[in-house]
Amino acid sequence: MRYIKFERRLSDNTIEAYMRDLHEFAACVKSELDIQEPQNVTHETIERYLSKIYDRGVSKRTQSRILSSLRGFFKFMILTEIITTSPTEFIDHPKSSRHLPTVLTFEEISALIDSFDLSTPLGHRNKAMLEMLYSCGLRVSELISLHIQDIFFEDCIVRVIGKGNKQRLVPMSEEALKQVNLYLMCRPQLQKNQTDVLFLNRRGKALTRVMVFDIVRDAAERIGLKKDISPHTFRHSFATHLLQGGASIRQVQEMLGHESIVTTEIYTHLDTTHLHHTLEALHPLVNQDK
């Protein structure tokens, strides 16, 4: 755990998932295969365990994460010279079908953001949060860990601490900056102790992920939105709308903080209508008779 936290600098959520995967793997091979030491784990052991979780109906995405957890553990075993080869070598990740995420229209996003009662500090907080989620494409973990000092008001930029504690600078929209300023004017009513955390709950403490999920879902219910959404839906919509508006995929990758552009490419498959219009308007073969 120390290795993946301090050397690989994985996020707290990833560390928790990896350690849970490893504990479950260890418990299974100890009880069912009578393997008591990690040095005795073989390629066949890994294959049998993966078959077992497949039979349990575990999703391909979770199967892939479990294999990543095991790969990381046995790589650590090699680095510490406990073993010389990894039993996970030559085991492929399960092929997963790419799930296209839900995307909101601009009108739906506007309705959600405008659904809060601004007569209370919590209403201003919630509106500012949704503006930040959509304007900056933040993950919910990034949103709740923001500090006031991360907002560069004059430059209209926010400093975001992403996965692996990697920092990136993301432009803020003027509307998002305006809503953050309005929230900060009433934030002292929530603040109970000295803290620089930007978004506080009614007890003056940092928000949790669950609280933000509840705020988003309550807003969706309030406007009668039928789509199943979460805070991450605003991030999906941010990326999709930028690409539809003409932003390059590299620019969107940088703002989202994706390590690989392959992750960003999924947003190019969400809505191809505007691409057809571009083809019809600009391609020379399509327009040769015009």
Protein backbone atom coordinates (compact mmCIF):
# COMPACT_ATOMS: atom_id res chain seq x y z
CA MET A 1 0.00 0.00 0.00
CA ARG A 2 2.87 2.38 0.76
CA TYR A 3 4.36 1.62 -2.65
CA ILE A 4 1.25 2.46 -4.65
CA LYS A 5 0.58 5.53 -2.49
CA PHE A 6 4.01 7.14 -2.37
CA GLU A 7 5.85 5.66 -5.35
CA ARG A 8 3.04 5.30 -7.91
CA ARG A 9 1.05 8.15 -6.32
CA LEU A 10 -2.32 6.59 -6.99
CA SER A 11 -5.45 8.32 -5.72
CA ASP A 12 -7.03 7.34 -2.39
CA ASN A 13 -10.04 5.82 -4.18
CA THR A 14 -7.80 3.70 -6.44
CA ILE A 15 -5.69 2.56 -3.47
CA GLU A 16 -8.82 1.52 -1.60
CA ALA A 17 -10.10 -0.44 -4.63
CA TYR A 18 -6.72 -2.10 -5.27
CA MET A 19 -6.29 -3.16 -1.65
CA ARG A 20 -9.83 -4.54 -1.53
CA ASP A 21 -9.13 -6.54 -4.70
CA LEU A 22 -5.92 -7.96 -3.23
CA HIS A 23 -7.51 -8.92 0.11
CA GLU A 24 -10.34 -10.74 -1.70
CA PHE A 25 -7.86 -12.53 -3.98
CA ALA A 26 -5.70 -13.59 -1.02
CA ALA A 27 -8.69 -14.85 0.97
CA CYS A 28 -9.94 -16.87 -2.01
CA VAL A 29 -6.67 -18.59 -2.95
CA LYS A 30 -5.91 -19.34 0.70
CA SER A 31 -9.25 -20.96 1.44
CA GLU A 32 -10.09 -22.60 -1.89
CA LEU A 33 -6.66 -23.40 -3.41
CA ASP A 34 -4.65 -23.76 -0.18
CA ILE A 35 -2.03 -21.28 -1.42
CA GLN A 36 -0.63 -19.56 1.64
CA GLU A 37 2.26 -17.54 0.16
CA PRO A 38 2.17 -15.12 -2.79
CA GLN A 39 5.37 -16.73 -4.14
CA ASN A 40 3.34 -19.87 -4.85
CA VAL A 41 0.76 -18.11 -7.04
CA THR A 42 1.02 -19.29 -10.63
CA HIS A 43 -0.35 -18.28 -13.99
CA GLU A 44 -2.98 -21.00 -13.57
CA THR A 45 -3.96 -19.55 -10.17
CA ILE A 46 -4.67 -16.18 -11.74
CA GLU A 47 -6.63 -17.77 -14.60
CA ARG A 48 -8.77 -19.79 -12.18
CA TYR A 49 -9.47 -16.74 -10.03
CA LEU A 50 -10.45 -14.62 -13.03
CA SER A 51 -12.75 -17.44 -14.21
CA LYS A 52 -14.34 -17.52 -10.77
CA ILE A 53 -15.15 -13.80 -10.71
CA TYR A 54 -16.39 -14.03 -14.32
CA ASP A 55 -18.82 -16.78 -13.27
CA ARG A 56 -20.05 -14.49 -10.49
CA GLY A 57 -21.18 -12.01 -13.14
CA VAL A 58 -18.63 -9.32 -12.30
CA SER A 59 -18.53 -6.65 -15.03
CA LYS A 60 -15.67 -6.62 -17.53
CA ARG A 61 -14.58 -3.23 -16.25
CA THR A 62 -14.26 -4.58 -12.70
CA GLN A 63 -12.50 -7.71 -13.97
CA SER A 64 -9.99 -5.46 -15.74
CA ARG A 65 -9.41 -3.43 -12.58
CA ILE A 66 -8.86 -6.59 -10.51
CA LEU A 67 -6.28 -7.79 -13.03
CA SER A 68 -4.58 -4.37 -12.82
CA SER A 69 -4.49 -4.72 -9.01
CA LEU A 70 -2.86 -8.15 -9.30
CA ARG A 71 -0.39 -6.92 -11.93
CA GLY A 72 0.63 -4.05 -9.67
CA PHE A 73 1.13 -6.35 -6.69
CA PHE A 74 3.29 -8.88 -8.52
CA LYS A 75 5.28 -6.08 -10.17
CA PHE A 76 6.05 -4.88 -6.64
CA MET A 77 7.10 -8.45 -5.75
CA ILE A 78 9.56 -8.39 -8.65
CA LEU A 79 10.93 -4.96 -7.69
CA THR A 80 11.55 -6.18 -4.14
CA GLU A 81 13.23 -9.33 -5.56
CA ILE A 82 10.79 -11.74 -3.91
CA ILE A 83 9.91 -13.30 -7.29
CA THR A 84 11.56 -13.10 -10.72
CA THR A 85 8.54 -13.38 -13.04
CA SER A 86 4.94 -12.30 -12.67
CA PRO A 87 2.13 -14.90 -12.84
CA THR A 88 -0.01 -12.20 -14.52
CA GLU A 89 2.32 -12.06 -17.53
CA PHE A 90 0.62 -12.86 -20.85
CA ILE A 91 -2.87 -12.60 -19.31
CA ASP A 92 -4.93 -10.18 -21.38
CA HIS A 93 -7.45 -7.74 -20.02
CA PRO A 94 -11.06 -8.68 -20.89
CA LYS A 95 -12.35 -6.94 -23.97
CA SER A 96 -15.04 -4.53 -22.85
CA SER A 97 -17.64 -2.91 -25.01
CA ARG A 98 -17.34 0.86 -24.84
CA HIS A 99 -20.28 2.30 -22.96
CA LEU A 100 -21.33 5.69 -24.28
CA PRO A 101 -22.04 7.99 -21.32
CA THR A 102 -25.17 10.06 -20.88
CA VAL A 103 -24.85 13.62 -22.18
CA LEU A 104 -27.13 16.53 -21.35
CA THR A 105 -28.22 19.25 -23.72
CA PHE A 106 -27.27 22.82 -22.91
CA GLU A 107 -30.92 23.54 -22.12
CA GLU A 108 -31.05 20.66 -19.62
CA ILE A 109 -27.86 21.84 -17.94
CA SER A 110 -29.19 25.39 -17.70
CA ALA A 111 -32.44 24.11 -16.15
CA LEU A 112 -30.51 22.09 -13.55
CA ILE A 113 -28.25 24.99 -12.62
CA ASP A 114 -31.17 27.41 -12.38
CA SER A 115 -33.25 25.07 -10.19
CA PHE A 116 -31.77 26.14 -6.85
CA ASP A 117 -33.28 28.50 -4.30
CA LEU A 118 -30.83 31.42 -4.12
CA SER A 119 -32.33 32.81 -0.91
CA THR A 120 -30.00 30.50 1.06
CA PRO A 121 -26.20 30.01 1.16
CA LEU A 122 -26.72 26.35 0.21
CA GLY A 123 -28.58 27.37 -2.94
CA HIS A 124 -25.68 29.62 -4.00
CA ARG A 125 -23.23 26.84 -3.15
CA ASN A 126 -25.10 24.25 -5.20
CA LYS A 127 -25.42 26.54 -8.21
CA ALA A 128 -21.71 27.39 -8.07
CA MET A 129 -20.82 23.69 -7.83
CA LEU A 130 -22.82 22.70 -10.90
CA GLU A 131 -21.39 25.65 -12.82
CA MET A 132 -17.89 24.40 -11.93
CA LEU A 133 -18.70 20.81 -12.88
CA TYR A 134 -19.91 21.88 -16.31
CA SER A 135 -17.65 24.87 -16.95
CA CYS A 136 -14.43 23.08 -16.01
CA GLY A 137 -15.25 19.40 -16.61
CA LEU A 138 -14.27 18.42 -13.07
CA ARG A 139 -14.50 15.00 -11.47
CA VAL A 140 -16.56 15.03 -8.28
CA SER A 141 -13.43 14.17 -6.25
CA GLU A 142 -11.69 17.20 -7.77
CA LEU A 143 -14.65 19.46 -6.99
CA ILE A 144 -14.89 18.61 -3.30
CA SER A 145 -11.13 18.94 -2.79
CA LEU A 146 -10.95 22.48 -4.23
CA HIS A 147 -9.59 25.22 -1.97
CA ILE A 148 -10.22 28.94 -2.25
CA GLN A 149 -6.55 29.46 -3.08
CA ASP A 150 -7.01 27.18 -6.13
CA ILE A 151 -9.17 29.85 -7.79
CA PHE A 152 -7.13 32.48 -9.62
CA PHE A 153 -9.82 35.14 -9.85
CA GLU A 154 -7.96 37.68 -11.99
CA ASP A 155 -6.92 35.06 -14.55
CA CYS A 156 -10.25 33.18 -14.44
CA ILE A 157 -8.41 29.87 -13.94
CA VAL A 158 -8.79 27.04 -11.45
CA ARG A 159 -5.97 24.76 -10.30
CA VAL A 160 -7.20 21.16 -10.16
CA ILE A 161 -5.56 18.25 -8.35
CA GLY A 162 -6.47 15.19 -10.42
CA LYS A 163 -5.70 11.49 -10.31
CA GLY A 164 -2.25 10.64 -9.00
CA ASN A 165 -2.04 14.14 -7.46
CA LYS A 166 -1.34 15.56 -10.91
CA GLN A 167 -2.06 19.28 -11.20
CA ARG A 168 -3.63 21.00 -14.18
CA LEU A 169 -4.90 24.51 -14.85
CA VAL A 170 -8.37 24.78 -16.34
CA PRO A 171 -10.05 27.98 -17.61
CA MET A 172 -13.26 28.99 -15.87
CA SER A 173 -16.22 30.54 -17.64
CA GLU A 174 -17.21 34.05 -16.59
CA GLU A 175 -20.52 32.67 -15.33
CA ALA A 176 -18.79 30.05 -13.16
CA LEU A 177 -16.51 32.73 -11.68
CA LYS A 178 -19.52 34.95 -11.03
CA GLN A 179 -21.39 32.16 -9.20
CA VAL A 180 -18.33 31.28 -7.12
CA ASN A 181 -18.01 34.93 -6.07
CA LEU A 182 -21.70 35.09 -5.14
CA TYR A 183 -21.30 31.90 -3.09
CA LEU A 184 -18.19 33.25 -1.32
CA MET A 185 -20.19 36.28 -0.20
CA CYS A 186 -22.48 34.02 1.86
CA ARG A 187 -19.94 31.26 2.63
CA PRO A 188 -19.08 32.76 6.09
CA GLN A 189 -22.56 31.66 7.20
CA LEU A 190 -21.46 28.03 6.67
CA GLN A 191 -17.89 28.31 7.94
CA LYS A 192 -17.56 27.11 11.54
CA ASN A 193 -13.77 26.69 11.68
CA GLN A 194 -10.80 28.13 9.84
CA THR A 195 -10.70 26.23 6.58
CA ASP A 196 -9.72 27.01 3.01
CA VAL A 197 -11.94 24.29 1.52
CA LEU A 198 -14.15 25.97 -1.08
CA PHE A 199 -17.43 24.08 -0.85
CA LEU A 200 -18.72 23.45 2.69
CA ASN A 201 -21.72 21.58 4.07
CA ARG A 202 -24.13 23.12 6.57
CA ARG A 203 -21.84 22.02 9.44
CA GLY A 204 -18.89 23.88 7.94
CA LYS A 205 -17.03 20.78 6.77
CA ALA A 206 -15.97 19.61 3.32
CA LEU A 207 -18.63 17.94 1.21
CA THR A 208 -18.54 14.22 0.48
CA ARG A 209 -19.01 12.57 -2.92
CA VAL A 210 -22.38 11.20 -1.81
CA MET A 211 -23.62 14.69 -0.91
CA VAL A 212 -22.80 16.00 -4.40
CA PHE A 213 -24.53 12.99 -6.00
CA ASP A 214 -27.64 13.71 -3.92
CA ILE A 215 -27.60 17.42 -4.85
CA VAL A 216 -27.43 16.57 -8.57
CA ARG A 217 -30.16 13.94 -8.40
CA ASP A 218 -32.45 16.21 -6.35
CA ALA A 219 -32.03 18.91 -9.01
CA ALA A 220 -32.88 16.40 -11.75
CA GLU A 221 -36.02 15.35 -9.90
CA ARG A 222 -36.99 18.99 -9.35
CA ILE A 223 -37.00 19.79 -13.08
CA GLY A 224 -38.51 16.43 -14.07
CA LEU A 225 -35.43 15.20 -15.92
CA LYS A 226 -35.88 11.55 -16.92
CA LYS A 227 -32.22 10.82 -17.68
CA ASP A 228 -30.19 8.92 -15.09
CA ILE A 229 -27.44 11.41 -14.25
CA SER A 230 -24.62 11.93 -11.78
CA PRO A 231 -22.00 14.67 -11.22
CA HIS A 232 -19.88 12.93 -13.87
CA THR A 233 -22.60 13.63 -16.45
CA PHE A 234 -21.58 17.29 -16.38
CA ARG A 235 -18.00 16.28 -17.21
CA HIS A 236 -19.22 14.17 -20.13
CA SER A 237 -21.37 17.05 -21.37
CA PHE A 238 -18.47 19.52 -21.02
CA ALA A 239 -16.22 17.38 -23.23
CA THR A 240 -18.91 16.60 -25.81
CA HIS A 241 -20.03 20.22 -26.18
CA LEU A 242 -16.43 21.42 -26.56
CA LEU A 243 -15.73 18.92 -29.35
CA GLN A 244 -19.00 19.79 -31.07
CA GLY A 245 -18.03 23.44 -30.85
CA GLY A 246 -14.75 22.85 -32.67
CA ALA A 247 -12.20 22.24 -29.89
CA SER A 248 -9.41 19.81 -30.73
CA ILE A 249 -9.35 16.47 -28.97
CA ARG A 250 -5.90 17.30 -27.58
CA GLN A 251 -7.23 20.46 -25.94
CA VAL A 252 -10.12 18.55 -24.39
CA GLN A 253 -7.74 15.82 -23.20
CA GLU A 254 -5.62 18.45 -21.44
CA MET A 255 -8.58 20.12 -19.75
CA LEU A 256 -10.03 16.78 -18.60
CA GLY A 257 -6.66 15.62 -17.30
CA HIS A 258 -6.76 12.34 -19.23
CA GLU A 259 -3.40 10.59 -19.31
CA SER A 260 -4.25 8.84 -22.58
CA ILE A 261 -6.06 10.39 -25.53
CA VAL A 262 -7.80 7.05 -26.05
CA THR A 263 -9.93 7.87 -23.00
CA THR A 264 -10.94 11.20 -24.52
CA GLU A 265 -11.78 9.66 -27.90
CA ILE A 266 -15.03 8.18 -26.58
CA TYR A 267 -16.58 11.65 -26.77
CA THR A 268 -16.08 11.74 -30.53
CA HIS A 269 -18.62 8.89 -30.84
CA LEU A 270 -21.45 10.45 -28.86
CA ASP A 271 -23.13 12.60 -31.50
CA THR A 272 -22.08 12.52 -35.13
CA THR A 273 -24.87 14.75 -36.47
CA HIS A 274 -22.65 17.84 -36.54
CA LEU A 275 -19.95 15.81 -38.32
CA HIS A 276 -22.38 14.88 -41.10
CA HIS A 277 -23.29 18.54 -41.51
CA THR A 278 -19.60 19.46 -41.69
CA LEU A 279 -18.97 16.76 -44.31
CA GLU A 280 -21.90 17.87 -46.43
CA ALA A 281 -20.89 21.52 -46.22
CA LEU A 282 -17.14 21.22 -46.76
CA HIS A 283 -16.08 17.99 -48.48
CA PRO A 284 -15.18 18.62 -52.17
CA LEU A 285 -16.67 15.36 -53.45
CA VAL A 286 -19.99 16.04 -51.73
CA ASN A 287 -20.04 19.59 -53.07
CA GLN A 288 -18.72 19.04 -56.61
CA ASP A 289 -22.16 19.56 -58.19
CA LYS A 290 -22.95 22.67 -56.16
